[in-house]
Amino acid sequence: MAKKKLVRSRDEKMLCGVAAGIADYVGLDPSIIRLLWVVSILLPGPNLIIVLAYLVLCFVLPAENTGAS
């Protein structure tokens, strides 16, 4: 069994591929993760932390290796 690795998606990305990568890692549809992200931004609370976490993940997560050389 191959070990799952959290990576940014190259194929299903809208901004950086973070939501699609997280969705693939947890086994959900990327639209669900994107919807949860937007709802969390619109609700009152630590919005700046959520946006900063997304931006950090854009730079920290490695891009998906498609196998093409």
N, C-alpha and C. Protein backbone atom coordinates (compact mmCIF):
# COMPACT_ATOMS: atom_id res chain seq x y z
N MET A 1 0.84 -1.18 0.00
CA MET A 1 0.00 0.00 0.00
C MET A 1 0.89 1.24 0.00
N ALA A 2 0.62 2.12 -0.95
CA ALA A 2 1.40 3.35 -1.05
C ALA A 2 0.95 4.34 0.01
N LYS A 3 1.91 5.01 0.61
CA LYS A 3 1.62 6.00 1.64
C LYS A 3 1.15 7.29 0.97
N LYS A 4 0.04 7.85 1.46
CA LYS A 4 -0.48 9.10 0.91
C LYS A 4 0.43 10.26 1.31
N LYS A 5 0.54 11.22 0.42
CA LYS A 5 1.34 12.40 0.68
C LYS A 5 0.52 13.63 0.33
N LEU A 6 0.53 14.62 1.19
CA LEU A 6 -0.21 15.85 0.95
C LEU A 6 0.58 16.73 -0.01
N VAL A 7 0.03 16.96 -1.20
CA VAL A 7 0.68 17.78 -2.22
C VAL A 7 -0.35 18.70 -2.87
N ARG A 8 0.13 19.73 -3.53
CA ARG A 8 -0.75 20.61 -4.31
C ARG A 8 -1.08 19.92 -5.63
N SER A 9 -2.32 20.02 -6.04
CA SER A 9 -2.74 19.41 -7.29
C SER A 9 -2.34 20.29 -8.47
N ARG A 10 -1.92 19.65 -9.56
CA ARG A 10 -1.61 20.39 -10.79
C ARG A 10 -2.77 20.37 -11.77
N ASP A 11 -3.61 19.34 -11.69
CA ASP A 11 -4.68 19.17 -12.67
C ASP A 11 -5.98 19.87 -12.28
N GLU A 12 -6.34 19.82 -11.01
CA GLU A 12 -7.64 20.33 -10.58
C GLU A 12 -7.54 21.65 -9.82
N LYS A 13 -6.51 22.42 -10.06
CA LYS A 13 -6.32 23.63 -9.27
C LYS A 13 -7.16 24.79 -9.81
N MET A 14 -7.56 25.67 -8.88
CA MET A 14 -8.23 26.91 -9.25
C MET A 14 -7.31 28.08 -8.93
N LEU A 15 -6.67 28.07 -7.77
CA LEU A 15 -5.70 29.11 -7.42
C LEU A 15 -4.31 28.49 -7.36
N CYS A 16 -4.04 27.78 -6.30
CA CYS A 16 -2.72 27.16 -6.12
C CYS A 16 -2.77 25.64 -6.12
N GLY A 17 -3.96 25.06 -6.06
CA GLY A 17 -4.09 23.62 -6.00
C GLY A 17 -4.14 23.05 -4.60
N VAL A 18 -4.19 23.92 -3.61
CA VAL A 18 -4.19 23.47 -2.21
C VAL A 18 -5.48 22.73 -1.88
N ALA A 19 -6.62 23.29 -2.23
CA ALA A 19 -7.90 22.66 -1.91
C ALA A 19 -8.03 21.31 -2.59
N ALA A 20 -7.63 21.22 -3.84
CA ALA A 20 -7.70 19.94 -4.56
C ALA A 20 -6.73 18.92 -3.96
N GLY A 21 -5.58 19.38 -3.52
CA GLY A 21 -4.63 18.48 -2.88
C GLY A 21 -5.14 17.95 -1.55
N ILE A 22 -5.74 18.83 -0.76
CA ILE A 22 -6.32 18.41 0.52
C ILE A 22 -7.47 17.45 0.28
N ALA A 23 -8.31 17.76 -0.71
CA ALA A 23 -9.44 16.89 -1.03
C ALA A 23 -8.98 15.51 -1.46
N ASP A 24 -7.94 15.44 -2.26
CA ASP A 24 -7.41 14.15 -2.68
C ASP A 24 -6.84 13.38 -1.48
N TYR A 25 -6.20 14.09 -0.58
CA TYR A 25 -5.59 13.46 0.59
C TYR A 25 -6.64 12.84 1.52
N VAL A 26 -7.77 13.56 1.72
CA VAL A 26 -8.80 13.07 2.63
C VAL A 26 -9.88 12.28 1.91
N GLY A 27 -9.86 12.24 0.58
CA GLY A 27 -10.80 11.45 -0.18
C GLY A 27 -12.14 12.11 -0.41
N LEU A 28 -12.15 13.44 -0.55
CA LEU A 28 -13.38 14.18 -0.81
C LEU A 28 -13.30 14.86 -2.17
N ASP A 29 -14.43 15.40 -2.60
CA ASP A 29 -14.49 16.17 -3.82
C ASP A 29 -13.86 17.55 -3.56
N PRO A 30 -13.03 18.06 -4.48
CA PRO A 30 -12.41 19.38 -4.26
C PRO A 30 -13.42 20.51 -4.06
N SER A 31 -14.60 20.39 -4.65
CA SER A 31 -15.63 21.42 -4.49
C SER A 31 -16.07 21.55 -3.05
N ILE A 32 -16.10 20.45 -2.33
CA ILE A 32 -16.50 20.49 -0.92
C ILE A 32 -15.47 21.25 -0.10
N ILE A 33 -14.20 21.00 -0.33
CA ILE A 33 -13.14 21.70 0.39
C ILE A 33 -13.17 23.19 0.05
N ARG A 34 -13.37 23.51 -1.21
CA ARG A 34 -13.44 24.93 -1.62
C ARG A 34 -14.63 25.62 -0.97
N LEU A 35 -15.77 24.95 -0.94
CA LEU A 35 -16.97 25.51 -0.32
C LEU A 35 -16.75 25.74 1.17
N LEU A 36 -16.14 24.77 1.85
CA LEU A 36 -15.84 24.93 3.27
C LEU A 36 -14.88 26.09 3.51
N TRP A 37 -13.91 26.27 2.61
CA TRP A 37 -12.96 27.36 2.76
C TRP A 37 -13.68 28.71 2.61
N VAL A 38 -14.54 28.84 1.61
CA VAL A 38 -15.26 30.10 1.39
C VAL A 38 -16.19 30.39 2.57
N VAL A 39 -16.91 29.38 3.03
CA VAL A 39 -17.82 29.58 4.18
C VAL A 39 -17.03 29.99 5.41
N SER A 40 -15.87 29.39 5.63
CA SER A 40 -15.07 29.76 6.80
C SER A 40 -14.55 31.18 6.71
N ILE A 41 -14.33 31.67 5.51
CA ILE A 41 -13.89 33.06 5.34
C ILE A 41 -15.04 34.03 5.61
N LEU A 42 -16.25 33.65 5.22
CA LEU A 42 -17.39 34.54 5.38
C LEU A 42 -17.94 34.58 6.80
N LEU A 43 -17.73 33.52 7.57
CA LEU A 43 -18.21 33.51 8.95
C LEU A 43 -17.31 34.38 9.83
N PRO A 44 -17.89 34.97 10.86
CA PRO A 44 -17.06 35.76 11.77
C PRO A 44 -16.09 34.85 12.53
N GLY A 45 -14.91 35.35 12.73
CA GLY A 45 -13.89 34.56 13.43
C GLY A 45 -12.51 34.89 12.91
N PRO A 46 -11.59 33.96 13.05
CA PRO A 46 -10.19 34.20 12.67
C PRO A 46 -9.97 34.09 11.15
N ASN A 47 -10.57 34.97 10.37
CA ASN A 47 -10.47 34.94 8.91
C ASN A 47 -9.04 35.13 8.42
N LEU A 48 -8.32 36.03 9.04
CA LEU A 48 -6.94 36.30 8.62
C LEU A 48 -6.06 35.07 8.77
N ILE A 49 -6.29 34.31 9.83
CA ILE A 49 -5.50 33.09 10.06
C ILE A 49 -5.79 32.06 8.97
N ILE A 50 -7.03 31.95 8.55
CA ILE A 50 -7.40 31.00 7.51
C ILE A 50 -6.78 31.39 6.18
N VAL A 51 -6.81 32.66 5.85
CA VAL A 51 -6.20 33.13 4.60
C VAL A 51 -4.69 32.94 4.65
N LEU A 52 -4.07 33.27 5.76
CA LEU A 52 -2.62 33.08 5.89
C LEU A 52 -2.23 31.61 5.82
N ALA A 53 -3.05 30.74 6.41
CA ALA A 53 -2.77 29.30 6.33
C ALA A 53 -2.80 28.82 4.89
N TYR A 54 -3.77 29.30 4.11
CA TYR A 54 -3.85 28.93 2.70
C TYR A 54 -2.62 29.41 1.94
N LEU A 55 -2.22 30.65 2.19
CA LEU A 55 -1.05 31.19 1.50
C LEU A 55 0.22 30.45 1.88
N VAL A 56 0.35 30.09 3.14
CA VAL A 56 1.52 29.32 3.57
C VAL A 56 1.53 27.96 2.88
N LEU A 57 0.37 27.31 2.81
CA LEU A 57 0.30 26.01 2.15
C LEU A 57 0.62 26.12 0.66
N CYS A 58 0.30 27.26 0.04
CA CYS A 58 0.64 27.47 -1.38
C CYS A 58 2.15 27.38 -1.59
N PHE A 59 2.91 27.86 -0.63
CA PHE A 59 4.36 27.89 -0.78
C PHE A 59 5.05 26.67 -0.16
N VAL A 60 4.44 26.07 0.86
CA VAL A 60 5.08 24.98 1.60
C VAL A 60 4.82 23.61 0.96
N LEU A 61 3.59 23.39 0.50
CA LEU A 61 3.27 22.08 -0.07
C LEU A 61 3.97 21.89 -1.41
N PRO A 62 4.57 20.73 -1.60
CA PRO A 62 5.19 20.47 -2.91
C PRO A 62 4.12 20.22 -3.95
N ALA A 63 4.43 20.53 -5.20
CA ALA A 63 3.50 20.28 -6.30
C ALA A 63 3.46 18.79 -6.59
N GLU A 64 2.33 18.36 -7.06
CA GLU A 64 2.12 16.96 -7.42
C GLU A 64 3.05 16.55 -8.54
N ASN A 65 3.64 15.39 -8.43
CA ASN A 65 4.51 14.87 -9.46
C ASN A 65 3.64 14.09 -10.44
N THR A 66 3.55 14.56 -11.67
CA THR A 66 2.67 13.91 -12.66
C THR A 66 3.33 12.73 -13.33
N GLY A 67 4.61 12.53 -13.13
CA GLY A 67 5.33 11.42 -13.72
C GLY A 67 5.87 11.72 -15.09
N ALA A 68 5.54 12.88 -15.65
CA ALA A 68 6.09 13.27 -16.96
C ALA A 68 7.46 13.89 -16.76
N SER A 69 8.39 13.54 -17.64
CA SER A 69 9.73 14.10 -17.50
C SER A 69 10.05 15.07 -18.60
